[in-house]
PDB file of N, CA and C in Angstrom:
ATOM      1  N   MET A   1      91.239 105.841 105.088  1.00  0.00           N
ATOM      2  CA  MET A   1      91.850 105.221 106.238  1.00  0.00           C
ATOM      3  C   MET A   1      90.795 104.916 107.287  1.00  0.00           C
ATOM      4  N   PRO A   2      90.837 103.758 107.870  1.00  0.00           N
ATOM      5  CA  PRO A   2      89.891 103.456 108.944  1.00  0.00           C
ATOM      6  C   PRO A   2      90.218 104.271 110.186  1.00  0.00           C
ATOM      7  N   ALA A   3      89.207 104.466 110.984  1.00  0.00           N
ATOM      8  CA  ALA A   3      89.386 105.232 112.221  1.00  0.00           C
ATOM      9  C   ALA A   3      90.264 104.436 113.189  1.00  0.00           C
ATOM     10  N   PRO A   4      91.129 105.132 113.924  1.00  0.00           N
ATOM     11  CA  PRO A   4      91.962 104.409 114.890  1.00  0.00           C
ATOM     12  C   PRO A   4      91.115 103.870 116.038  1.00  0.00           C
ATOM     13  N   GLY A   5      91.603 102.846 116.642  1.00  0.00           N
ATOM     14  CA  GLY A   5      90.892 102.263 117.776  1.00  0.00           C
ATOM     15  C   GLY A   5      90.404 100.869 117.454  1.00  0.00           C
ATOM     16  N   PRO A   6      89.688 100.275 118.389  1.00  0.00           N
ATOM     17  CA  PRO A   6      89.220  98.902 118.180  1.00  0.00           C
ATOM     18  C   PRO A   6      88.149  98.844 117.092  1.00  0.00           C
ATOM     19  N   ARG A   7      88.164  97.774 116.358  1.00  0.00           N
ATOM     20  CA  ARG A   7      87.192  97.561 115.292  1.00  0.00           C
ATOM     21  C   ARG A   7      85.881  97.062 115.898  1.00  0.00           C
ATOM     22  N   THR A   8      84.780  97.639 115.446  1.00  0.00           N
ATOM     23  CA  THR A   8      83.482  97.199 115.948  1.00  0.00           C
ATOM     24  C   THR A   8      82.949  96.106 115.033  1.00  0.00           C
ATOM     25  N   THR A   9      82.396  95.084 115.639  1.00  0.00           N
ATOM     26  CA  THR A   9      81.787  94.006 114.873  1.00  0.00           C
ATOM     27  C   THR A   9      80.350  93.855 115.319  1.00  0.00           C
ATOM     28  N   HIS A  10      79.511  93.455 114.380  1.00  0.00           N
ATOM     29  CA  HIS A  10      78.100  93.251 114.685  1.00  0.00           C
ATOM     30  C   HIS A  10      77.894  91.819 115.165  1.00  0.00           C
ATOM     31  N   ARG A  11      77.089  91.683 116.185  1.00  0.00           N
ATOM     32  CA  ARG A  11      76.718  90.359 116.689  1.00  0.00           C
ATOM     33  C   ARG A  11      75.253  90.145 116.340  1.00  0.00           C
ATOM     34  N   TYR A  12      74.992  89.098 115.592  1.00  0.00           N
ATOM     35  CA  TYR A  12      73.625  88.788 115.185  1.00  0.00           C
ATOM     36  C   TYR A  12      73.094  87.645 116.037  1.00  0.00           C
ATOM     37  N   SER A  13      71.814  87.718 116.342  1.00  0.00           N
ATOM     38  CA  SER A  13      71.201  86.679 117.171  1.00  0.00           C
ATOM     39  C   SER A  13      71.053  85.390 116.364  1.00  0.00           C
ATOM     40  N   ALA A  14      70.888  84.305 117.077  1.00  0.00           N
ATOM     41  CA  ALA A  14      70.700  83.011 116.426  1.00  0.00           C
ATOM     42  C   ALA A  14      69.403  83.002 115.618  1.00  0.00           C
ATOM     43  N   HIS A  15      68.387  83.706 116.117  1.00  0.00           N
ATOM     44  CA  HIS A  15      67.108  83.785 115.407  1.00  0.00           C
ATOM     45  C   HIS A  15      67.287  84.528 114.080  1.00  0.00           C
ATOM     46  N   PHE A  16      68.037  85.617 114.090  1.00  0.00           N
ATOM     47  CA  PHE A  16      68.292  86.381 112.863  1.00  0.00           C
ATOM     48  C   PHE A  16      69.036  85.522 111.847  1.00  0.00           C
ATOM     49  N   LYS A  17      70.054  84.802 112.301  1.00  0.00           N
ATOM     50  CA  LYS A  17      70.831  83.954 111.410  1.00  0.00           C
ATOM     51  C   LYS A  17      69.959  82.854 110.814  1.00  0.00           C
ATOM     52  N   ALA A  18      69.141  82.218 111.661  1.00  0.00           N
ATOM     53  CA  ALA A  18      68.283  81.132 111.185  1.00  0.00           C
ATOM     54  C   ALA A  18      67.252  81.654 110.187  1.00  0.00           C
ATOM     55  N   THR A  19      66.711  82.843 110.448  1.00  0.00           N
ATOM     56  CA  THR A  19      65.738  83.435 109.520  1.00  0.00           C
ATOM     57  C   THR A  19      66.405  83.752 108.188  1.00  0.00           C
ATOM     58  N   ALA A  20      67.606  84.286 108.215  1.00  0.00           N
ATOM     59  CA  ALA A  20      68.329  84.594 106.985  1.00  0.00           C
ATOM     60  C   ALA A  20      68.603  83.326 106.186  1.00  0.00           C
ATOM     61  N   VAL A  21      68.978  82.262 106.875  1.00  0.00           N
ATOM     62  CA  VAL A  21      69.241  80.990 106.199  1.00  0.00           C
ATOM     63  C   VAL A  21      67.967  80.449 105.570  1.00  0.00           C
ATOM     64  N   ARG A  22      66.860  80.517 106.296  1.00  0.00           N
ATOM     65  CA  ARG A  22      65.581  80.039 105.756  1.00  0.00           C
ATOM     66  C   ARG A  22      65.153  80.860 104.543  1.00  0.00           C
ATOM     67  N   LEU A  23      65.355  82.185 104.599  1.00  0.00           N
ATOM     68  CA  LEU A  23      64.994  83.038 103.465  1.00  0.00           C
ATOM     69  C   LEU A  23      65.835  82.696 102.239  1.00  0.00           C
ATOM     70  N   SER A  24      67.101  82.416 102.450  1.00  0.00           N
ATOM     71  CA  SER A  24      67.971  82.100 101.317  1.00  0.00           C
ATOM     72  C   SER A  24      67.664  80.728 100.723  1.00  0.00           C
ATOM     73  N   ALA A  25      66.939  79.903 101.457  1.00  0.00           N
ATOM     74  CA  ALA A  25      66.585  78.571 100.968  1.00  0.00           C
ATOM     75  C   ALA A  25      65.288  78.570 100.169  1.00  0.00           C
ATOM     76  N   LEU A  26      64.605  79.710 100.104  1.00  0.00           N
ATOM     77  CA  LEU A  26      63.361  79.775  99.340  1.00  0.00           C
ATOM     78  C   LEU A  26      63.642  79.577  97.858  1.00  0.00           C
ATOM     79  N   PRO A  27      62.734  78.909  97.142  1.00  0.00           N
ATOM     80  CA  PRO A  27      62.955  78.713  95.701  1.00  0.00           C
ATOM     81  C   PRO A  27      62.847  80.042  94.957  1.00  0.00           C
ATOM     82  N   GLY A  28      63.761  80.254  94.036  1.00  0.00           N
ATOM     83  CA  GLY A  28      63.736  81.469  93.224  1.00  0.00           C
ATOM     84  C   GLY A  28      64.378  82.676  93.870  1.00  0.00           C
ATOM     85  N   VAL A  29      64.990  82.497  95.042  1.00  0.00           N
ATOM     86  CA  VAL A  29      65.625  83.603  95.745  1.00  0.00           C
ATOM     87  C   VAL A  29      67.105  83.284  95.890  1.00  0.00           C
ATOM     88  N   SER A  30      67.947  84.237  95.528  1.00  0.00           N
ATOM     89  CA  SER A  30      69.387  83.986  95.594  1.00  0.00           C
ATOM     90  C   SER A  30      69.963  84.461  96.924  1.00  0.00           C
ATOM     91  N   VAL A  31      71.097  83.905  97.275  1.00  0.00           N
ATOM     92  CA  VAL A  31      71.792  84.281  98.507  1.00  0.00           C
ATOM     93  C   VAL A  31      72.155  85.765  98.460  1.00  0.00           C
ATOM     94  N   ARG A  32      72.573  86.204  97.307  1.00  0.00           N
ATOM     95  CA  ARG A  32      72.975  87.599  97.145  1.00  0.00           C
ATOM     96  C   ARG A  32      71.816  88.561  97.411  1.00  0.00           C
ATOM     97  N   ASP A  33      70.620  88.221  96.902  1.00  0.00           N
ATOM     98  CA  ASP A  33      69.456  89.076  97.124  1.00  0.00           C
ATOM     99  C   ASP A  33      69.083  89.141  98.600  1.00  0.00           C
ATOM    100  N   VAL A  34      69.117  87.999  99.266  1.00  0.00           N
ATOM    101  CA  VAL A  34      68.782  87.965 100.693  1.00  0.00           C
ATOM    102  C   VAL A  34      69.789  88.782 101.489  1.00  0.00           C
ATOM    103  N   ALA A  35      71.060  88.577 101.199  1.00  0.00           N
ATOM    104  CA  ALA A  35      72.104  89.307 101.920  1.00  0.00           C
ATOM    105  C   ALA A  35      71.973  90.803 101.688  1.00  0.00           C
ATOM    106  N   HIS A  36      71.695  91.192 100.462  1.00  0.00           N
ATOM    107  CA  HIS A  36      71.551  92.615 100.148  1.00  0.00           C
ATOM    108  C   HIS A  36      70.356  93.216 100.889  1.00  0.00           C
ATOM    109  N   SER A  37      69.251  92.487 100.943  1.00  0.00           N
ATOM    110  CA  SER A  37      68.065  93.025 101.607  1.00  0.00           C
ATOM    111  C   SER A  37      68.223  93.076 103.127  1.00  0.00           C
ATOM    112  N   LEU A  38      69.098  92.237 103.679  1.00  0.00           N
ATOM    113  CA  LEU A  38      69.328  92.247 105.131  1.00  0.00           C
ATOM    114  C   LEU A  38      70.546  93.085 105.527  1.00  0.00           C
ATOM    115  N   TYR A  39      71.176  93.706 104.531  1.00  0.00           N
ATOM    116  CA  TYR A  39      72.351  94.561 104.759  1.00  0.00           C
ATOM    117  C   TYR A  39      73.509  93.799 105.411  1.00  0.00           C
ATOM    118  N   ILE A  40      73.734  92.591 104.912  1.00  0.00           N
ATOM    119  CA  ILE A  40      74.882  91.809 105.350  1.00  0.00           C
ATOM    120  C   ILE A  40      75.660  91.378 104.114  1.00  0.00           C
ATOM    121  N   HIS A  41      76.883  90.947 104.301  1.00  0.00           N
ATOM    122  CA  HIS A  41      77.709  90.507 103.181  1.00  0.00           C
ATOM    123  C   HIS A  41      77.280  89.111 102.762  1.00  0.00           C
ATOM    124  N   PRO A  42      77.224  88.845 101.450  1.00  0.00           N
ATOM    125  CA  PRO A  42      76.823  87.509 100.997  1.00  0.00           C
ATOM    126  C   PRO A  42      77.710  86.391 101.534  1.00  0.00           C
ATOM    127  N   PHE A  43      78.995  86.677 101.747  1.00  0.00           N
ATOM    128  CA  PHE A  43      79.879  85.651 102.290  1.00  0.00           C
ATOM    129  C   PHE A  43      79.449  85.247 103.702  1.00  0.00           C
ATOM    130  N   MET A  44      78.983  86.240 104.491  1.00  0.00           N
ATOM    131  CA  MET A  44      78.532  85.939 105.848  1.00  0.00           C
ATOM    132  C   MET A  44      77.318  85.016 105.813  1.00  0.00           C
ATOM    133  N   LEU A  45      76.389  85.308 104.904  1.00  0.00           N
ATOM    134  CA  LEU A  45      75.208  84.459 104.781  1.00  0.00           C
ATOM    135  C   LEU A  45      75.591  83.064 104.303  1.00  0.00           C
ATOM    136  N   SER A  46      76.533  82.983 103.387  1.00  0.00           N
ATOM    137  CA  SER A  46      76.995  81.662 102.932  1.00  0.00           C
ATOM    138  C   SER A  46      77.627  80.882 104.077  1.00  0.00           C
ATOM    139  N   ARG A  47      78.346  81.582 104.945  1.00  0.00           N
ATOM    140  CA  ARG A  47      78.951  80.925 106.111  1.00  0.00           C
ATOM    141  C   ARG A  47      77.857  80.429 107.060  1.00  0.00           C
ATOM    142  N   TRP A  48      76.827  81.232 107.254  1.00  0.00           N
ATOM    143  CA  TRP A  48      75.717  80.811 108.114  1.00  0.00           C
ATOM    144  C   TRP A  48      75.009  79.606 107.519  1.00  0.00           C
ATOM    145  N   ARG A  49      74.858  79.569 106.188  1.00  0.00           N
ATOM    146  CA  ARG A  49      74.221  78.420 105.546  1.00  0.00           C
ATOM    147  C   ARG A  49      75.050  77.157 105.775  1.00  0.00           C
ATOM    148  N   LYS A  50      76.363  77.295 105.720  1.00  0.00           N
ATOM    149  CA  LYS A  50      77.243  76.152 105.974  1.00  0.00           C
ATOM    150  C   LYS A  50      77.093  75.674 107.415  1.00  0.00           C
ATOM    151  N   LEU A  51      77.039  76.628 108.359  1.00  0.00           N
ATOM    152  CA  LEU A  51      76.843  76.261 109.769  1.00  0.00           C
ATOM    153  C   LEU A  51      75.500  75.581 109.982  1.00  0.00           C
ATOM    154  N   ALA A  52      74.480  76.019 109.247  1.00  0.00           N
ATOM    155  CA  ALA A  52      73.162  75.387 109.363  1.00  0.00           C
ATOM    156  C   ALA A  52      73.207  73.953 108.843  1.00  0.00           C
ATOM    157  N   ARG A  53      73.930  73.735 107.752  1.00  0.00           N
ATOM    158  CA  ARG A  53      74.057  72.367 107.219  1.00  0.00           C
ATOM    159  C   ARG A  53      74.799  71.464 108.203  1.00  0.00           C
ATOM    160  N   GLU A  54      75.770  72.062 108.922  1.00  0.00           N
ATOM    161  CA  GLU A  54      76.539  71.288 109.899  1.00  0.00           C
ATOM    162  C   GLU A  54      75.778  71.097 111.202  1.00  0.00           C
ATOM    163  N   GLY A  55      74.704  71.861 111.415  1.00  0.00           N
ATOM    164  CA  GLY A  55      73.895  71.721 112.610  1.00  0.00           C
ATOM    165  C   GLY A  55      74.185  72.740 113.694  1.00  0.00           C
ATOM    166  N   SER A  56      75.087  73.677 113.458  1.00  0.00           N
ATOM    167  CA  SER A  56      75.397  74.703 114.461  1.00  0.00           C
ATOM    168  C   SER A  56      74.285  75.732 114.595  1.00  0.00           C
ATOM    169  N   ILE A  57      73.582  75.993 113.516  1.00  0.00           N
ATOM    170  CA  ILE A  57      72.446  76.922 113.532  1.00  0.00           C
ATOM    171  C   ILE A  57      71.199  76.103 113.258  1.00  0.00           C
ATOM    172  N   VAL A  58      70.223  76.189 114.146  1.00  0.00           N
ATOM    173  CA  VAL A  58      68.990  75.426 114.010  1.00  0.00           C
ATOM    174  C   VAL A  58      67.978  76.290 113.283  1.00  0.00           C
ATOM    175  N   THR A  59      67.511  75.803 112.130  1.00  0.00           N
ATOM    176  CA  THR A  59      66.550  76.565 111.338  1.00  0.00           C
ATOM    177  C   THR A  59      65.136  76.013 111.435  1.00  0.00           C
ATOM    178  N   LYS A  60      64.974  74.859 112.059  1.00  0.00           N
ATOM    179  CA  LYS A  60      63.630  74.298 112.193  1.00  0.00           C
ATOM    180  C   LYS A  60      62.857  75.090 113.239  1.00  0.00           C
ATOM    181  N   GLY A  61      61.594  75.302 112.940  1.00  0.00           N
ATOM    182  CA  GLY A  61      60.740  76.040 113.863  1.00  0.00           C
ATOM    183  C   GLY A  61      60.755  77.542 113.629  1.00  0.00           C
ATOM    184  N   ILE A  62      61.533  78.004 112.686  1.00  0.00           N
ATOM    185  CA  ILE A  62      61.578  79.427 112.359  1.00  0.00           C
ATOM    186  C   ILE A  62      60.482  79.713 111.352  1.00  0.00           C
ATOM    187  N   GLU A  63      59.560  80.564 111.733  1.00  0.00           N
ATOM    188  CA  GLU A  63      58.458  80.949 110.847  1.00  0.00           C
ATOM    189  C   GLU A  63      58.891  82.129 109.991  1.00  0.00           C
ATOM    190  N   LEU A  64      58.633  82.027 108.705  1.00  0.00           N
ATOM    191  CA  LEU A  64      58.974  83.108 107.782  1.00  0.00           C
ATOM    192  C   LEU A  64      57.750  83.981 107.545  1.00  0.00           C
ATOM    193  N   ASP A  65      57.969  85.257 107.560  1.00  0.00           N
ATOM    194  CA  ASP A  65      56.911  86.204 107.241  1.00  0.00           C
ATOM    195  C   ASP A  65      56.713  86.172 105.727  1.00  0.00           C
ATOM    196  N   GLN A  66      55.494  85.916 105.287  1.00  0.00           N
ATOM    197  CA  GLN A  66      55.224  85.812 103.855  1.00  0.00           C
ATOM    198  C   GLN A  66      55.482  87.128 103.135  1.00  0.00           C
ATOM    199  N   ALA A  67      55.336  88.236 103.835  1.00  0.00           N
ATOM    200  CA  ALA A  67      55.594  89.535 103.214  1.00  0.00           C
ATOM    201  C   ALA A  67      57.070  89.677 102.845  1.00  0.00           C
ATOM    202  N   ILE A  68      57.951  89.161 103.692  1.00  0.00           N
ATOM    203  CA  ILE A  68      59.385  89.253 103.423  1.00  0.00           C
ATOM    204  C   ILE A  68      59.752  88.412 102.212  1.00  0.00           C
ATOM    205  N   SER A  69      59.245  87.189 102.165  1.00  0.00           N
ATOM    206  CA  SER A  69      59.578  86.330 101.029  1.00  0.00           C
ATOM    207  C   SER A  69      58.990  86.885  99.735  1.00  0.00           C
ATOM    208  N   ALA A  70      57.796  87.462  99.803  1.00  0.00           N
ATOM    209  CA  ALA A  70      57.208  88.071  98.610  1.00  0.00           C
ATOM    210  C   ALA A  70      58.015  89.280  98.164  1.00  0.00           C
ATOM    211  N   GLU A  71      58.511  90.041  99.131  1.00  0.00           N
ATOM    212  CA  GLU A  71      59.320  91.211  98.799  1.00  0.00           C
ATOM    213  C   GLU A  71      60.630  90.802  98.134  1.00  0.00           C
ATOM    214  N   LEU A  72      61.245  89.725  98.607  1.00  0.00           N
ATOM    215  CA  LEU A  72      62.483  89.243  97.999  1.00  0.00           C
ATOM    216  C   LEU A  72      62.244  88.779  96.565  1.00  0.00           C
ATOM    217  N   LYS A  73      61.148  88.083  96.341  1.00  0.00           N
ATOM    218  CA  LYS A  73      60.834  87.640  94.989  1.00  0.00           C
ATOM    219  C   LYS A  73      60.560  88.839  94.079  1.00  0.00           C
ATOM    220  N   GLU A  74      59.869  89.836  94.611  1.00  0.00           N
ATOM    221  CA  GLU A  74      59.596  91.043  93.834  1.00  0.00           C
ATOM    222  C   GLU A  74      60.896  91.788  93.514  1.00  0.00           C
ATOM    223  N   LEU A  75      61.806  91.836  94.471  1.00  0.00           N
ATOM    224  CA  LEU A  75      63.100  92.474  94.243  1.00  0.00           C
ATOM    225  C   LEU A  75      63.853  91.775  93.118  1.00  0.00           C
ATOM    226  N   ARG A  76      63.822  90.488  93.113  1.00  0.00           N
ATOM    227  CA  ARG A  76      64.498  89.722  92.053  1.00  0.00           C
ATOM    228  C   ARG A  76      63.879  90.030  90.692  1.00  0.00           C
ATOM    229  N   GLU A  77      62.546  90.108  90.636  1.00  0.00           N
ATOM    230  CA  GLU A  77      61.854  90.415  89.383  1.00  0.00           C
ATOM    231  C   GLU A  77      62.184  91.830  88.905  1.00  0.00           C
ATOM    232  N   VAL A  78      62.236  92.779  89.818  1.00  0.00           N
ATOM    233  CA  VAL A  78      62.567  94.159  89.450  1.00  0.00           C
ATOM    234  C   VAL A  78      63.996  94.240  88.917  1.00  0.00           C
ATOM    235  N   LYS A  79      64.918  93.528  89.551  1.00  0.00           N
ATOM    236  CA  LYS A  79      66.300  93.512  89.070  1.00  0.00           C
ATOM    237  C   LYS A  79      66.386  92.909  87.671  1.00  0.00           C
ATOM    238  N   ARG A  80      65.630  91.863  87.427  1.00  0.00           N
ATOM    239  CA  ARG A  80      65.638  91.220  86.118  1.00  0.00           C
ATOM    240  C   ARG A  80      65.110  92.183  85.052  1.00  0.00           C
ATOM    241  N   ARG A  81      64.026  92.878  85.375  1.00  0.00           N
ATOM    242  CA  ARG A  81      63.471  93.854  84.428  1.00  0.00           C
ATOM    243  C   ARG A  81      64.442  95.006  84.188  1.00  0.00           C
ATOM    244  N   TYR A  82      65.102  95.461  85.233  1.00  0.00           N
ATOM    245  CA  TYR A  82      66.058  96.560  85.116  1.00  0.00           C
ATOM    246  C   TYR A  82      67.220  96.169  84.205  1.00  0.00           C
ATOM    247  N   GLU A  83      67.729  94.957  84.363  1.00  0.00           N
ATOM    248  CA  GLU A  83      68.824  94.488  83.509  1.00  0.00           C
ATOM    249  C   GLU A  83      68.377  94.429  82.051  1.00  0.00           C
ATOM    250  N   ARG A  84      67.147  93.993  81.835  1.00  0.00           N
ATOM    251  CA  ARG A  84      66.626  93.950  80.462  1.00  0.00           C
ATOM    252  C   ARG A  84      66.507  95.353  79.882  1.00  0.00           C
ATOM    253  N   LEU A  85      66.025  96.308  80.665  1.00  0.00           N
ATOM    254  CA  LEU A  85      65.920  97.685  80.199  1.00  0.00           C
ATOM    255  C   LEU A  85      67.293  98.279  79.900  1.00  0.00           C
ATOM    256  N   GLN A  86      68.288  97.929  80.707  1.00  0.00           N
ATOM    257  CA  GLN A  86      69.640  98.414  80.430  1.00  0.00           C
ATOM    258  C   GLN A  86      70.154  97.890  79.097  1.00  0.00           C
ATOM    259  N   ILE A  87      69.908  96.636  78.812  1.00  0.00           N
ATOM    260  CA  ILE A  87      70.327  96.046  77.541  1.00  0.00           C
ATOM    261  C   ILE A  87      69.619  96.733  76.381  1.00  0.00           C
ATOM    262  N   GLU A  88      68.305  96.947  76.524  1.00  0.00           N
ATOM    263  CA  GLU A  88      67.553  97.625  75.470  1.00  0.00           C
ATOM    264  C   GLU A  88      68.057  99.051  75.268  1.00  0.00           C
ATOM    265  N   HIS A  89      68.358  99.734  76.355  1.00  0.00           N
ATOM    266  CA  HIS A  89      68.853 101.105  76.281  1.00  0.00           C
ATOM    267  C   HIS A  89      70.198 101.157  75.550  1.00  0.00           C
ATOM    268  N   ASP A  90      71.094 100.233  75.881  1.00  0.00           N
ATOM    269  CA  ASP A  90      72.391 100.180  75.210  1.00  0.00           C
ATOM    270  C   ASP A  90      72.229  99.890  73.723  1.00  0.00           C
ATOM    271  N   LEU A  91      71.293  99.014  73.387  1.00  0.00           N
ATOM    272  CA  LEU A  91      71.045  98.695  71.993  1.00  0.00           C
ATOM    273  C   LEU A  91      70.526  99.914  71.241  1.00  0.00           C
ATOM    274  N   LEU A  92      69.620 100.664  71.839  1.00  0.00           N
ATOM    275  CA  LEU A  92      69.095 101.879  71.208  1.00  0.00           C
ATOM    276  C   LEU A  92      70.193 102.922  71.027  1.00  0.00           C
ATOM    277  N   LYS A  93      71.073 103.055  72.012  1.00  0.00           N
ATOM    278  CA  LYS A  93      72.183 104.004  71.886  1.00  0.00           C
ATOM    279  C   LYS A  93      73.077 103.619  70.706  1.00  0.00           C
ATOM    280  N   LYS A  94      73.339 102.326  70.542  1.00  0.00           N
ATOM    281  CA  LYS A  94      74.164 101.873  69.420  1.00  0.00           C
ATOM    282  C   LYS A  94      73.465 102.131  68.091  1.00  0.00           C
ATOM    283  N   ALA A  95      72.139 101.916  68.053  1.00  0.00           N
ATOM    284  CA  ALA A  95      71.388 102.157  66.822  1.00  0.00           C
ATOM    285  C   ALA A  95      71.406 103.640  66.451  1.00  0.00           C
ATOM    286  N   ILE A  96      71.263 104.513  67.428  1.00  0.00           N
ATOM    287  CA  ILE A  96      71.302 105.950  67.169  1.00  0.00           C
ATOM    288  C   ILE A  96      72.682 106.361  66.668  1.00  0.00           C
ATOM    289  N   ALA A  97      73.713 105.840  67.289  1.00  0.00           N
ATOM    290  CA  ALA A  97      75.075 106.151  66.846  1.00  0.00           C
ATOM    291  C   ALA A  97      75.313 105.653  65.432  1.00  0.00           C
ATOM    292  N   PHE A  98      74.799 104.480  65.107  1.00  0.00           N
ATOM    293  CA  PHE A  98      74.979 103.917  63.769  1.00  0.00           C
ATOM    294  C   PHE A  98      74.262 104.763  62.725  1.00  0.00           C
ATOM    295  N   THR A  99      73.007 105.135  62.988  1.00  0.00           N
ATOM    296  CA  THR A  99      72.266 105.937  62.008  1.00  0.00           C
ATOM    297  C   THR A  99      72.864 107.330  61.878  1.00  0.00           C
ATOM    298  N   SER A 100      73.356 107.888  62.951  1.00  0.00           N
ATOM    299  CA  SER A 100      74.013 109.194  62.873  1.00  0.00           C
ATOM    300  C   SER A 100      75.266 109.110  62.021  1.00  0.00           C
ATOM    301  N   LYS A 101      75.995 108.037  62.166  1.00  0.00           N
ATOM    302  CA  LYS A 101      77.206 107.838  61.383  1.00  0.00           C
ATOM    303  C   LYS A 101      76.864 107.663  59.912  1.00  0.00           C
ATOM    304  N   GLN A 102      75.788 106.949  59.626  1.00  0.00           N
ATOM    305  CA  GLN A 102      75.364 106.740  58.245  1.00  0.00           C
ATOM    306  C   GLN A 102      74.943 108.057  57.601  1.00  0.00           C
ATOM    307  N   LYS A 103      74.242 108.912  58.329  1.00  0.00           N
ATOM    308  CA  LYS A 103      73.828 110.210  57.803  1.00  0.00           C
ATOM    309  C   LYS A 103      75.042 111.077  57.519  1.00  0.00           C
ATOM    310  N   ALA A 104      76.039 111.023  58.368  1.00  0.00           N
ATOM    311  CA  ALA A 104      77.245 111.824  58.171  1.00  0.00           C
ATOM    312  C   ALA A 104      78.034 111.335  56.972  1.00  0.00           C
ATOM    313  N   MET A 105      77.978 110.056  56.694  1.00  0.00           N
ATOM    314  CA  MET A 105      78.740 109.490  55.579  1.00  0.00           C
ATOM    315  C   MET A 105      77.991 109.582  54.252  1.00  0.00           C
ATOM    316  N   SER A 106      76.713 109.943  54.280  1.00  0.00           N
ATOM    317  CA  SER A 106      75.947 110.007  53.038  1.00  0.00           C
ATOM    318  C   SER A 106      76.469 111.136  52.168  1.00  0.00           C
ATOM    319  N   SER A 107      76.159 111.076  50.905  1.00  0.00           N
ATOM    320  CA  SER A 107      76.676 112.030  49.931  1.00  0.00           C
ATOM    321  C   SER A 107      76.187 113.444  50.222  1.00  0.00           C
ATOM    322  N   PRO A 108      77.102 114.435  50.231  1.00  0.00           N
ATOM    323  CA  PRO A 108      76.673 115.807  50.474  1.00  0.00           C
ATOM    324  C   PRO A 108      75.864 116.363  49.302  1.00  0.00           C
ATOM    325  N   LEU A 109      76.016 115.798  48.083  1.00  0.00           N
ATOM    326  CA  LEU A 109      75.252 116.266  46.929  1.00  0.00           C
ATOM    327  C   LEU A 109      73.781 115.957  47.076  1.00  0.00           C
ATOM    328  N   SER A 110      73.479 114.848  47.688  1.00  0.00           N
ATOM    329  CA  SER A 110      72.073 114.476  47.829  1.00  0.00           C
ATOM    330  C   SER A 110      71.333 115.441  48.749  1.00  0.00           C
ATOM    331  N   ARG A 111      72.056 116.123  49.601  1.00  0.00           N
ATOM    332  CA  ARG A 111      71.412 117.086  50.496  1.00  0.00           C
ATOM    333  C   ARG A 111      71.305 118.471  49.862  1.00  0.00           C
ATOM    334  N   THR A 112      72.204 118.793  48.935  1.00  0.00           N
ATOM    335  CA  THR A 112      72.206 120.145  48.374  1.00  0.00           C
ATOM    336  C   THR A 112      71.328 120.279  47.147  1.00  0.00           C
ATOM    337  N   ILE A 113      71.090 119.213  46.442  1.00  0.00           N
ATOM    338  CA  ILE A 113      70.252 119.287  45.241  1.00  0.00           C
ATOM    339  C   ILE A 113      68.802 119.322  45.675  1.00  0.00           C
ATOM    340  N   LYS A 114      68.118 120.372  45.222  1.00  0.00           N
ATOM    341  CA  LYS A 114      66.710 120.495  45.560  1.00  0.00           C
ATOM    342  C   LYS A 114      65.878 120.123  44.353  1.00  0.00           C
ATOM    343  N   LYS A 115      64.795 119.450  44.599  1.00  0.00           N
ATOM    344  CA  LYS A 115      63.912 119.057  43.519  1.00  0.00           C
ATOM    345  C   LYS A 115      63.068 120.262  43.120  1.00  0.00           C
ATOM    346  N   PRO A 116      62.787 120.398  41.825  1.00  0.00           N
ATOM    347  CA  PRO A 116      61.963 121.540  41.398  1.00  0.00           C
ATOM    348  C   PRO A 116      60.522 121.342  41.879  1.00  0.00           C
ATOM    349  N   VAL A 117      59.934 122.440  42.233  1.00  0.00           N
ATOM    350  CA  VAL A 117      58.551 122.420  42.703  1.00  0.00           C
ATOM    351  C   VAL A 117      57.652 122.497  41.491  1.00  0.00           C
ATOM    352  N   ARG A 118      56.685 121.694  41.360  1.00  0.00           N
ATOM    353  CA  ARG A 118      55.775 121.677  40.200  1.00  0.00           C
ATOM    354  C   ARG A 118      54.438 122.147  40.552  1.00  0.00           C
TER     355      ARG A 118
END
């Protein structure tokens, strides 16, 4: 249950909004990644992008810190690698389950018969 009383809303400056819009316009960077890194909802950033297209938010003259854009690109690369590792991990789990099942289904005679030592 939410706390009783008035709801608090965050007010973001025009500079913050314009910077977020510029970051989301970088090639290879998704709106979702930018919103996640700025701790805002992706829908809010999409709304700001729409306002920028309409001219309500001015994005010209906003300088982007190269470290921020590099960090966003690195975050995207790390997420991509993580998803690949998850897929590989799931595949290995299935392979282990399959081989375990095959061992359980193998003939019990083949395990009990011992070869003579020569």
